[in-house]
């Protein structure tokens, strides 16, 4: 379920957070605070509902309670990390217990951060923003790498075509660049 502000257009660029908690009161409070802080918020009251929500709409960050009924936040994090399409999705888990073993379990499952209750919402929002910024930077980097890879393949094909042309012309060795410039000046400039 998504909580929407009616004044905003569908082209809204604000980050979308999926808040997950089996305690509906805590979930409502968290969702309201996130909306008030300017985030778009989707909610789920179980790990299974969270997975359904992940399939329904693009999510920028998952904020889940560590200790939930049926599927824990750690199990949800592990499931998210197991899916290729979500592997870079930031996952933050909230817990009321200060047991180090719980935090270790969360990190081992793939959580990016563990927040202990009680916490200040301003600090939580700063941590959320940092995680989202890092995920967006990683996404841009992956896109840039894919673009570069495509350009490298394109150039390799062009070089292969040039070599084929040279072979057809009977050119045996490499010639000085200025003698080959008439064939493909765009490649020779490399």
N, C-alpha and C. Protein backbone atom coordinates (compact mmCIF):
# COMPACT_ATOMS: atom_id res chain seq x y z
N UNK A 1 0.84 -1.17 0.00
CA UNK A 1 0.00 0.00 0.00
C UNK A 1 0.89 1.24 0.00
N UNK A 2 0.55 2.20 -0.85
CA UNK A 2 1.33 3.42 -0.93
C UNK A 2 0.55 4.57 -0.31
N UNK A 3 1.27 5.40 0.44
CA UNK A 3 0.68 6.60 1.01
C UNK A 3 1.05 7.74 0.08
N UNK A 4 0.06 8.43 -0.47
CA UNK A 4 0.32 9.48 -1.44
C UNK A 4 -0.19 10.82 -0.97
N UNK A 5 0.51 11.84 -1.41
CA UNK A 5 0.04 13.20 -1.24
C UNK A 5 -0.67 13.58 -2.53
N UNK A 6 -1.89 14.07 -2.46
CA UNK A 6 -2.68 14.36 -3.66
C UNK A 6 -2.15 15.55 -4.43
N UNK A 7 -1.30 16.37 -3.85
CA UNK A 7 -0.80 17.57 -4.51
C UNK A 7 0.37 17.27 -5.45
N UNK A 8 0.90 16.06 -5.44
CA UNK A 8 2.09 15.75 -6.22
C UNK A 8 1.73 15.01 -7.50
N UNK A 9 2.49 15.27 -8.55
CA UNK A 9 2.29 14.62 -9.82
C UNK A 9 2.95 13.25 -9.82
N UNK A 10 2.57 12.41 -10.78
CA UNK A 10 3.15 11.08 -10.90
C UNK A 10 4.62 11.13 -11.34
N UNK A 11 5.08 12.25 -11.84
CA UNK A 11 6.48 12.38 -12.25
C UNK A 11 7.37 12.74 -11.06
N UNK A 12 6.87 12.53 -9.90
CA UNK A 12 7.56 12.84 -8.66
C UNK A 12 8.90 12.12 -8.59
N UNK A 13 9.98 12.87 -8.36
CA UNK A 13 11.33 12.31 -8.30
C UNK A 13 11.79 11.99 -6.88
N UNK A 14 10.95 12.27 -5.89
CA UNK A 14 11.36 11.99 -4.51
C UNK A 14 11.58 10.50 -4.31
N UNK A 15 12.52 10.15 -3.44
CA UNK A 15 12.78 8.73 -3.19
C UNK A 15 11.54 8.02 -2.63
N UNK A 16 11.37 6.78 -3.06
CA UNK A 16 10.26 5.95 -2.57
C UNK A 16 10.84 4.94 -1.57
N UNK A 17 10.31 4.95 -0.38
CA UNK A 17 10.76 4.05 0.68
C UNK A 17 9.67 3.03 0.95
N UNK A 18 10.08 1.79 1.09
CA UNK A 18 9.17 0.73 1.50
C UNK A 18 9.39 0.49 2.99
N UNK A 19 8.39 0.85 3.80
CA UNK A 19 8.45 0.63 5.25
C UNK A 19 7.75 -0.69 5.55
N UNK A 20 8.42 -1.54 6.34
CA UNK A 20 7.89 -2.87 6.63
C UNK A 20 7.93 -3.10 8.13
N UNK A 21 6.76 -3.41 8.70
CA UNK A 21 6.67 -3.71 10.14
C UNK A 21 5.38 -4.49 10.37
N UNK A 22 5.46 -5.57 11.13
CA UNK A 22 4.26 -6.34 11.42
C UNK A 22 3.36 -5.65 12.46
N UNK A 23 3.91 -4.68 13.19
CA UNK A 23 3.12 -3.90 14.14
C UNK A 23 2.52 -2.72 13.37
N UNK A 24 1.22 -2.76 13.16
CA UNK A 24 0.56 -1.76 12.31
C UNK A 24 0.62 -0.36 12.90
N UNK A 25 0.64 -0.24 14.21
CA UNK A 25 0.75 1.08 14.84
C UNK A 25 2.12 1.68 14.54
N UNK A 26 3.18 0.89 14.77
CA UNK A 26 4.53 1.36 14.48
C UNK A 26 4.68 1.69 12.99
N UNK A 27 4.09 0.86 12.14
CA UNK A 27 4.17 1.08 10.70
C UNK A 27 3.50 2.40 10.31
N UNK A 28 2.34 2.68 10.90
CA UNK A 28 1.63 3.93 10.59
C UNK A 28 2.43 5.15 11.04
N UNK A 29 3.02 5.06 12.23
CA UNK A 29 3.84 6.18 12.74
C UNK A 29 5.05 6.40 11.83
N UNK A 30 5.74 5.32 11.48
CA UNK A 30 6.92 5.44 10.62
C UNK A 30 6.53 6.02 9.26
N UNK A 31 5.46 5.52 8.69
CA UNK A 31 5.02 6.00 7.37
C UNK A 31 4.69 7.49 7.42
N UNK A 32 3.99 7.91 8.45
CA UNK A 32 3.61 9.32 8.56
C UNK A 32 4.85 10.20 8.69
N UNK A 33 5.81 9.79 9.51
CA UNK A 33 7.04 10.59 9.67
C UNK A 33 7.83 10.66 8.37
N UNK A 34 7.89 9.56 7.63
CA UNK A 34 8.60 9.55 6.36
C UNK A 34 7.91 10.46 5.33
N UNK A 35 6.60 10.40 5.27
CA UNK A 35 5.85 11.27 4.36
C UNK A 35 6.07 12.74 4.74
N UNK A 36 6.00 13.03 6.04
CA UNK A 36 6.22 14.40 6.50
C UNK A 36 7.63 14.89 6.17
N UNK A 37 8.59 13.97 6.09
CA UNK A 37 9.97 14.34 5.76
C UNK A 37 10.17 14.48 4.25
N UNK A 38 9.14 14.20 3.48
CA UNK A 38 9.22 14.42 2.04
C UNK A 38 9.45 13.20 1.18
N UNK A 39 9.38 12.02 1.76
CA UNK A 39 9.56 10.80 0.99
C UNK A 39 8.22 10.29 0.47
N UNK A 40 8.27 9.54 -0.62
CA UNK A 40 7.11 8.76 -1.04
C UNK A 40 7.22 7.45 -0.28
N UNK A 41 6.12 6.95 0.21
CA UNK A 41 6.17 5.79 1.09
C UNK A 41 5.18 4.73 0.66
N UNK A 42 5.67 3.51 0.59
CA UNK A 42 4.84 2.32 0.43
C UNK A 42 5.00 1.54 1.72
N UNK A 43 3.96 0.83 2.12
CA UNK A 43 4.04 0.09 3.37
C UNK A 43 3.69 -1.38 3.15
N UNK A 44 4.21 -2.21 4.04
CA UNK A 44 3.89 -3.64 4.05
C UNK A 44 3.93 -4.10 5.49
N UNK A 45 2.99 -4.97 5.87
CA UNK A 45 2.93 -5.44 7.25
C UNK A 45 3.55 -6.83 7.43
N UNK A 46 4.23 -7.31 6.39
CA UNK A 46 4.93 -8.60 6.49
C UNK A 46 6.00 -8.65 5.41
N UNK A 47 6.90 -9.60 5.56
CA UNK A 47 7.94 -9.78 4.55
C UNK A 47 7.34 -10.17 3.21
N UNK A 48 6.31 -11.04 3.22
CA UNK A 48 5.67 -11.47 1.99
C UNK A 48 5.01 -10.28 1.29
N UNK A 49 4.34 -9.42 2.05
CA UNK A 49 3.71 -8.23 1.46
C UNK A 49 4.78 -7.27 0.92
N UNK A 50 5.93 -7.24 1.58
CA UNK A 50 7.03 -6.39 1.11
C UNK A 50 7.53 -6.87 -0.25
N UNK A 51 7.67 -8.17 -0.41
CA UNK A 51 8.12 -8.72 -1.69
C UNK A 51 7.11 -8.37 -2.78
N UNK A 52 5.83 -8.50 -2.48
CA UNK A 52 4.79 -8.14 -3.45
C UNK A 52 4.90 -6.66 -3.82
N UNK A 53 5.16 -5.82 -2.85
CA UNK A 53 5.29 -4.38 -3.11
C UNK A 53 6.54 -4.08 -3.94
N UNK A 54 7.60 -4.81 -3.72
CA UNK A 54 8.82 -4.63 -4.51
C UNK A 54 8.56 -4.96 -5.99
N UNK A 55 7.69 -5.92 -6.23
CA UNK A 55 7.33 -6.27 -7.61
C UNK A 55 6.38 -5.24 -8.22
N UNK A 56 5.62 -4.56 -7.39
CA UNK A 56 4.59 -3.64 -7.87
C UNK A 56 5.14 -2.30 -8.32
N UNK A 57 6.09 -1.75 -7.58
CA UNK A 57 6.55 -0.39 -7.88
C UNK A 57 8.05 -0.28 -7.60
N UNK A 58 8.73 0.61 -8.32
CA UNK A 58 10.16 0.81 -8.03
C UNK A 58 10.35 1.40 -6.63
N UNK A 59 11.28 0.83 -5.90
CA UNK A 59 11.56 1.25 -4.52
C UNK A 59 13.02 1.69 -4.46
N UNK A 60 13.29 2.78 -3.73
CA UNK A 60 14.66 3.28 -3.57
C UNK A 60 15.34 2.77 -2.32
N UNK A 61 14.56 2.35 -1.31
CA UNK A 61 15.15 1.87 -0.06
C UNK A 61 14.10 1.10 0.71
N UNK A 62 14.52 0.01 1.35
CA UNK A 62 13.64 -0.76 2.23
C UNK A 62 14.05 -0.47 3.66
N UNK A 63 13.06 -0.09 4.46
CA UNK A 63 13.26 0.18 5.89
C UNK A 63 12.34 -0.78 6.64
N UNK A 64 12.93 -1.80 7.26
CA UNK A 64 12.12 -2.87 7.85
C UNK A 64 12.51 -3.11 9.30
N UNK A 65 11.54 -3.58 10.06
CA UNK A 65 11.77 -4.01 11.43
C UNK A 65 12.55 -5.32 11.36
N UNK A 66 13.56 -5.46 12.18
CA UNK A 66 14.36 -6.69 12.19
C UNK A 66 13.55 -7.88 12.70
N UNK A 67 12.83 -7.69 13.79
CA UNK A 67 12.10 -8.78 14.42
C UNK A 67 10.62 -8.70 14.08
N UNK A 68 10.24 -9.43 13.03
CA UNK A 68 8.84 -9.49 12.61
C UNK A 68 8.38 -10.94 12.66
N UNK A 69 7.07 -11.12 12.72
CA UNK A 69 6.49 -12.46 12.68
C UNK A 69 6.65 -13.05 11.28
N UNK A 70 6.66 -14.33 11.16
CA UNK A 70 6.76 -15.11 9.92
C UNK A 70 8.08 -14.91 9.18
N UNK A 71 8.35 -13.72 8.66
CA UNK A 71 9.61 -13.47 7.95
C UNK A 71 10.29 -12.29 8.63
N UNK A 72 11.47 -12.53 9.19
CA UNK A 72 12.19 -11.45 9.88
C UNK A 72 12.76 -10.47 8.87
N UNK A 73 13.18 -9.32 9.35
CA UNK A 73 13.84 -8.34 8.50
C UNK A 73 15.12 -8.91 7.89
N UNK A 74 15.83 -9.74 8.65
CA UNK A 74 17.05 -10.36 8.14
C UNK A 74 16.71 -11.32 7.00
N UNK A 75 15.64 -12.09 7.14
CA UNK A 75 15.22 -12.99 6.06
C UNK A 75 14.80 -12.20 4.82
N UNK A 76 14.12 -11.08 5.04
CA UNK A 76 13.74 -10.21 3.93
C UNK A 76 14.98 -9.66 3.23
N UNK A 77 15.97 -9.22 3.99
CA UNK A 77 17.22 -8.72 3.41
C UNK A 77 17.90 -9.81 2.59
N UNK A 78 17.94 -11.02 3.12
CA UNK A 78 18.57 -12.13 2.41
C UNK A 78 17.84 -12.42 1.09
N UNK A 79 16.51 -12.37 1.13
CA UNK A 79 15.72 -12.60 -0.07
C UNK A 79 15.98 -11.50 -1.11
N UNK A 80 16.04 -10.25 -0.66
CA UNK A 80 16.32 -9.13 -1.56
C UNK A 80 17.69 -9.28 -2.19
N UNK A 81 18.70 -9.64 -1.41
CA UNK A 81 20.06 -9.80 -1.93
C UNK A 81 20.15 -10.97 -2.91
N UNK A 82 19.23 -11.93 -2.78
CA UNK A 82 19.23 -13.08 -3.67
C UNK A 82 18.65 -12.81 -5.04
N UNK A 83 17.98 -11.70 -5.21
CA UNK A 83 17.36 -11.35 -6.50
C UNK A 83 18.26 -10.37 -7.24
N UNK A 84 18.61 -10.68 -8.46
CA UNK A 84 19.51 -9.83 -9.25
C UNK A 84 18.95 -8.42 -9.39
N UNK A 85 17.66 -8.29 -9.63
CA UNK A 85 17.08 -6.97 -9.87
C UNK A 85 17.08 -6.09 -8.61
N UNK A 86 17.24 -6.68 -7.44
CA UNK A 86 17.21 -5.90 -6.20
C UNK A 86 18.54 -5.91 -5.46
N UNK A 87 19.55 -6.53 -6.00
CA UNK A 87 20.80 -6.75 -5.24
C UNK A 87 21.44 -5.47 -4.72
N UNK A 88 21.23 -4.34 -5.40
CA UNK A 88 21.83 -3.08 -4.97
C UNK A 88 20.85 -2.19 -4.20
N UNK A 89 19.65 -2.69 -3.95
CA UNK A 89 18.63 -1.92 -3.23
C UNK A 89 19.05 -1.78 -1.77
N UNK A 90 19.16 -0.54 -1.27
CA UNK A 90 19.55 -0.38 0.14
C UNK A 90 18.49 -0.96 1.08
N UNK A 91 18.96 -1.69 2.08
CA UNK A 91 18.08 -2.29 3.09
C UNK A 91 18.58 -1.84 4.46
N UNK A 92 17.69 -1.17 5.20
CA UNK A 92 18.00 -0.74 6.56
C UNK A 92 17.02 -1.45 7.50
N UNK A 93 17.57 -2.00 8.58
CA UNK A 93 16.74 -2.71 9.54
C UNK A 93 16.74 -1.97 10.87
N UNK A 94 15.57 -1.97 11.51
CA UNK A 94 15.39 -1.30 12.79
C UNK A 94 15.14 -2.36 13.85
N UNK A 95 15.79 -2.20 14.99
CA UNK A 95 15.58 -3.14 16.08
C UNK A 95 15.56 -2.43 17.42
N UNK A 96 14.76 -2.95 18.32
CA UNK A 96 14.67 -2.40 19.66
C UNK A 96 15.64 -3.07 20.62
N UNK A 97 16.28 -4.12 20.16
CA UNK A 97 17.22 -4.84 21.01
C UNK A 97 18.63 -4.40 20.68
N UNK A 98 19.44 -4.29 21.70
CA UNK A 98 20.82 -3.88 21.48
C UNK A 98 21.77 -5.08 21.56
N UNK A 99 21.26 -6.25 21.17
CA UNK A 99 22.10 -7.44 21.16
C UNK A 99 23.00 -7.41 19.93
N UNK A 100 24.30 -7.49 20.13
CA UNK A 100 25.21 -7.50 18.97
C UNK A 100 24.92 -8.64 18.00
N UNK A 101 24.47 -9.78 18.50
CA UNK A 101 24.19 -10.92 17.63
C UNK A 101 23.09 -10.60 16.63
N UNK A 102 22.09 -9.78 17.03
CA UNK A 102 21.02 -9.40 16.10
C UNK A 102 21.58 -8.54 14.97
N UNK A 103 22.43 -7.60 15.31
CA UNK A 103 23.02 -6.74 14.29
C UNK A 103 23.91 -7.56 13.35
N UNK A 104 24.69 -8.48 13.90
CA UNK A 104 25.55 -9.33 13.09
C UNK A 104 24.70 -10.17 12.14
N UNK A 105 23.60 -10.72 12.65
CA UNK A 105 22.70 -11.52 11.82
C UNK A 105 22.13 -10.67 10.68
N UNK A 106 21.79 -9.44 10.96
CA UNK A 106 21.24 -8.54 9.95
C UNK A 106 22.28 -8.23 8.87
N UNK A 107 23.49 -7.90 9.30
CA UNK A 107 24.55 -7.60 8.32
C UNK A 107 24.91 -8.83 7.49
N UNK A 108 24.97 -9.99 8.12
CA UNK A 108 25.27 -11.23 7.39
C UNK A 108 24.19 -11.52 6.35
N UNK A 109 22.97 -11.11 6.61
CA UNK A 109 21.86 -11.32 5.68
C UNK A 109 21.90 -10.34 4.52
N UNK A 110 22.71 -9.29 4.64
CA UNK A 110 22.82 -8.32 3.55
C UNK A 110 22.28 -6.94 3.85
N UNK A 111 21.90 -6.68 5.09
CA UNK A 111 21.43 -5.34 5.45
C UNK A 111 22.57 -4.34 5.31
N UNK A 112 22.23 -3.15 4.86
CA UNK A 112 23.23 -2.09 4.73
C UNK A 112 23.43 -1.34 6.03
N UNK A 113 22.42 -1.34 6.88
CA UNK A 113 22.49 -0.58 8.12
C UNK A 113 21.52 -1.19 9.13
N UNK A 114 21.86 -1.08 10.40
CA UNK A 114 20.98 -1.51 11.49
C UNK A 114 20.82 -0.32 12.42
N UNK A 115 19.58 0.07 12.67
CA UNK A 115 19.28 1.23 13.50
C UNK A 115 18.66 0.74 14.81
N UNK A 116 19.25 1.17 15.90
CA UNK A 116 18.74 0.78 17.21
C UNK A 116 17.71 1.79 17.71
N UNK A 117 16.62 1.27 18.29
CA UNK A 117 15.63 2.13 18.94
C UNK A 117 16.12 2.41 20.35
N UNK A 118 15.83 3.53 20.91
CA UNK A 118 15.18 4.68 20.28
C UNK A 118 16.18 5.44 19.41
N UNK A 119 15.67 6.12 18.39
CA UNK A 119 16.52 6.89 17.50
C UNK A 119 15.85 8.23 17.23
N UNK A 120 16.64 9.18 16.77
CA UNK A 120 16.10 10.48 16.37
C UNK A 120 15.75 10.38 14.90
N UNK A 121 14.57 10.83 14.54
CA UNK A 121 14.14 10.74 13.15
C UNK A 121 15.05 11.54 12.22
N UNK A 122 15.58 12.65 12.69
CA UNK A 122 16.47 13.45 11.85
C UNK A 122 17.72 12.65 11.46
N UNK A 123 18.24 11.88 12.41
CA UNK A 123 19.41 11.04 12.14
C UNK A 123 19.02 9.91 11.18
N UNK A 124 17.85 9.33 11.40
CA UNK A 124 17.37 8.30 10.50
C UNK A 124 17.25 8.83 9.07
N UNK A 125 16.68 10.02 8.91
CA UNK A 125 16.52 10.60 7.58
C UNK A 125 17.88 10.87 6.93
N UNK A 126 18.85 11.32 7.70
CA UNK A 126 20.19 11.55 7.16
C UNK A 126 20.81 10.23 6.69
N UNK A 127 20.61 9.18 7.45
CA UNK A 127 21.15 7.87 7.07
C UNK A 127 20.44 7.35 5.82
N UNK A 128 19.13 7.55 5.75
CA UNK A 128 18.37 7.14 4.57
C UNK A 128 18.88 7.89 3.34
N UNK A 129 19.04 9.20 3.46
CA UNK A 129 19.51 10.00 2.33
C UNK A 129 20.88 9.53 1.86
N UNK A 130 21.75 9.22 2.78
CA UNK A 130 23.10 8.76 2.44
C UNK A 130 23.04 7.44 1.68
N UNK A 131 22.22 6.53 2.15
CA UNK A 131 22.09 5.22 1.48
C UNK A 131 21.50 5.36 0.08
N UNK A 132 20.50 6.21 -0.06
CA UNK A 132 19.88 6.42 -1.37
C UNK A 132 20.86 7.10 -2.32
N UNK A 133 21.58 8.10 -1.84
CA UNK A 133 22.59 8.77 -2.69
C UNK A 133 23.64 7.77 -3.17
N UNK A 134 24.09 6.93 -2.28
CA UNK A 134 25.10 5.93 -2.64
C UNK A 134 24.54 4.93 -3.68
N UNK A 135 23.31 4.50 -3.49
CA UNK A 135 22.69 3.57 -4.44
C UNK A 135 22.52 4.21 -5.81
N UNK A 136 22.12 5.48 -5.83
CA UNK A 136 21.95 6.18 -7.11
C UNK A 136 23.31 6.37 -7.80
N UNK A 137 24.35 6.65 -7.03
CA UNK A 137 25.70 6.78 -7.60
C UNK A 137 26.14 5.46 -8.21
N UNK A 138 25.88 4.38 -7.51
CA UNK A 138 26.23 3.05 -8.01
C UNK A 138 25.47 2.75 -9.30
N UNK A 139 24.20 3.11 -9.34
CA UNK A 139 23.38 2.89 -10.53
C UNK A 139 23.94 3.69 -11.72
N UNK A 140 24.31 4.96 -11.48
CA UNK A 140 24.91 5.77 -12.54
C UNK A 140 26.23 5.17 -13.01
N UNK A 141 27.04 4.70 -12.07
CA UNK A 141 28.32 4.08 -12.42
C UNK A 141 28.11 2.84 -13.27
N UNK A 142 27.16 2.00 -12.91
CA UNK A 142 26.87 0.79 -13.70
C UNK A 142 26.40 1.18 -15.10
N UNK A 143 25.57 2.21 -15.19
CA UNK A 143 25.09 2.67 -16.50
C UNK A 143 26.26 3.20 -17.33
N UNK A 144 27.12 4.02 -16.72
CA UNK A 144 28.28 4.55 -17.43
C UNK A 144 29.21 3.44 -17.90
N UNK A 145 29.42 2.43 -17.06
CA UNK A 145 30.26 1.29 -17.44
C UNK A 145 29.65 0.53 -18.62
N UNK A 146 28.34 0.35 -18.59
CA UNK A 146 27.67 -0.35 -19.71
C UNK A 146 27.81 0.46 -20.99
N UNK A 147 27.69 1.79 -20.88
CA UNK A 147 27.86 2.65 -22.05
C UNK A 147 29.27 2.54 -22.60
N UNK A 148 30.25 2.57 -21.73
CA UNK A 148 31.65 2.43 -22.16
C UNK A 148 31.91 1.07 -22.78
N UNK A 149 31.35 0.03 -22.18
CA UNK A 149 31.51 -1.31 -22.74
C UNK A 149 30.94 -1.38 -24.15
N UNK A 150 29.78 -0.76 -24.35
CA UNK A 150 29.16 -0.75 -25.68
C UNK A 150 30.03 0.01 -26.68
N UNK A 151 30.62 1.12 -26.24
CA UNK A 151 31.51 1.88 -27.12
C UNK A 151 32.76 1.08 -27.48
N UNK A 152 33.29 0.34 -26.53
CA UNK A 152 34.47 -0.49 -26.78
C UNK A 152 34.14 -1.56 -27.81
N UNK A 153 32.99 -2.18 -27.66
CA UNK A 153 32.58 -3.21 -28.62
C UNK A 153 32.42 -2.60 -30.01
N UNK A 154 31.79 -1.43 -30.06
CA UNK A 154 31.60 -0.74 -31.33
C UNK A 154 32.95 -0.43 -31.99
N UNK A 155 33.88 0.09 -31.20
CA UNK A 155 35.21 0.41 -31.75
C UNK A 155 35.94 -0.86 -32.18
N UNK A 156 35.81 -1.94 -31.45
CA UNK A 156 36.46 -3.20 -31.83
C UNK A 156 35.91 -3.69 -33.16
N UNK A 157 34.61 -3.55 -33.35
CA UNK A 157 34.00 -3.94 -34.62
C UNK A 157 34.54 -3.06 -35.74
N UNK A 158 34.64 -1.77 -35.49
CA UNK A 158 35.17 -0.86 -36.51
C UNK A 158 36.62 -1.19 -36.86
N UNK A 159 37.41 -1.50 -35.86
CA UNK A 159 38.81 -1.86 -36.11
C UNK A 159 38.87 -3.16 -36.92
N UNK A 160 38.02 -4.12 -36.59
CA UNK A 160 37.96 -5.36 -37.35
C UNK A 160 37.57 -5.11 -38.80
N UNK A 161 36.59 -4.24 -39.00
CA UNK A 161 36.18 -3.90 -40.36
C UNK A 161 37.32 -3.23 -41.12
N UNK A 162 38.04 -2.35 -40.45
CA UNK A 162 39.18 -1.69 -41.08
C UNK A 162 40.26 -2.70 -41.46
N UNK A 163 40.54 -3.65 -40.58
CA UNK A 163 41.52 -4.68 -40.89
C UNK A 163 41.07 -5.52 -42.08
N UNK A 164 39.76 -5.82 -42.14
CA UNK A 164 39.22 -6.56 -43.28
C UNK A 164 39.42 -5.77 -44.58
N UNK A 165 39.16 -4.45 -44.50
CA UNK A 165 39.35 -3.60 -45.67
C UNK A 165 40.82 -3.60 -46.10
N UNK A 166 41.70 -3.49 -45.14
CA UNK A 166 43.13 -3.50 -45.45
C UNK A 166 43.55 -4.83 -46.07
N UNK A 167 43.01 -5.92 -45.55
CA UNK A 167 43.35 -7.24 -46.09
C UNK A 167 42.85 -7.36 -47.53
N UNK A 168 41.65 -6.86 -47.80
CA UNK A 168 41.11 -6.91 -49.16
C UNK A 168 41.94 -6.06 -50.12
N UNK A 169 42.49 -4.95 -49.61
CA UNK A 169 43.31 -4.07 -50.45
C UNK A 169 44.72 -4.61 -50.62
N UNK A 170 45.04 -5.66 -49.89
CA UNK A 170 46.35 -6.26 -50.01
C UNK A 170 47.41 -5.55 -49.19
N UNK A 171 47.00 -4.73 -48.24
CA UNK A 171 47.98 -4.07 -47.38
C UNK A 171 48.42 -5.09 -46.35
N UNK A 172 49.72 -5.37 -46.32
CA UNK A 172 50.22 -6.43 -45.46
C UNK A 172 50.61 -5.93 -44.08
N UNK A 173 51.38 -4.95 -43.94
CA UNK A 173 51.81 -4.48 -42.62
C UNK A 173 51.03 -3.23 -42.23
N UNK A 174 51.31 -2.72 -41.10
CA UNK A 174 50.71 -1.46 -40.69
C UNK A 174 51.39 -0.33 -41.44
N UNK A 175 50.60 0.55 -41.97
CA UNK A 175 51.10 1.71 -42.70
C UNK A 175 51.04 2.93 -41.79
N UNK A 176 51.79 3.94 -42.11
CA UNK A 176 51.68 5.17 -41.33
C UNK A 176 50.24 5.68 -41.35
N UNK A 177 49.84 6.32 -40.29
CA UNK A 177 48.45 6.78 -40.13
C UNK A 177 47.98 7.65 -41.29
N UNK A 178 48.82 8.54 -41.78
CA UNK A 178 48.36 9.45 -42.83
C UNK A 178 48.06 8.71 -44.14
N UNK A 179 48.67 7.56 -44.38
CA UNK A 179 48.39 6.79 -45.60
C UNK A 179 47.07 6.02 -45.48
N UNK A 180 46.59 5.78 -44.24
CA UNK A 180 45.34 5.05 -44.03
C UNK A 180 44.16 5.97 -43.76
N UNK A 181 44.40 7.24 -43.61
CA UNK A 181 43.36 8.18 -43.20
C UNK A 181 42.18 8.22 -44.17
N UNK A 182 42.42 7.99 -45.46
CA UNK A 182 41.32 8.04 -46.42
C UNK A 182 40.33 6.89 -46.24
N UNK A 183 40.75 5.79 -45.58
CA UNK A 183 39.85 4.65 -45.40
C UNK A 183 38.79 4.91 -44.33
N UNK A 184 39.18 5.27 -43.14
CA UNK A 184 38.25 5.53 -42.03
C UNK A 184 38.89 6.58 -41.12
N UNK A 185 38.76 7.85 -41.44
CA UNK A 185 39.42 8.89 -40.64
C UNK A 185 38.95 8.90 -39.18
N UNK A 186 37.71 8.49 -38.93
CA UNK A 186 37.22 8.48 -37.55
C UNK A 186 37.92 7.45 -36.68
N UNK A 187 38.32 6.33 -37.27
CA UNK A 187 39.02 5.29 -36.51
C UNK A 187 40.50 5.62 -36.40
N UNK A 188 41.08 6.11 -37.47
CA UNK A 188 42.51 6.43 -37.47
C UNK A 188 42.83 7.46 -36.40
N UNK A 189 41.86 8.31 -36.08
CA UNK A 189 42.09 9.36 -35.08
C UNK A 189 42.31 8.75 -33.69
N UNK A 190 41.97 7.49 -33.52
CA UNK A 190 42.16 6.85 -32.23
C UNK A 190 43.63 6.84 -31.91
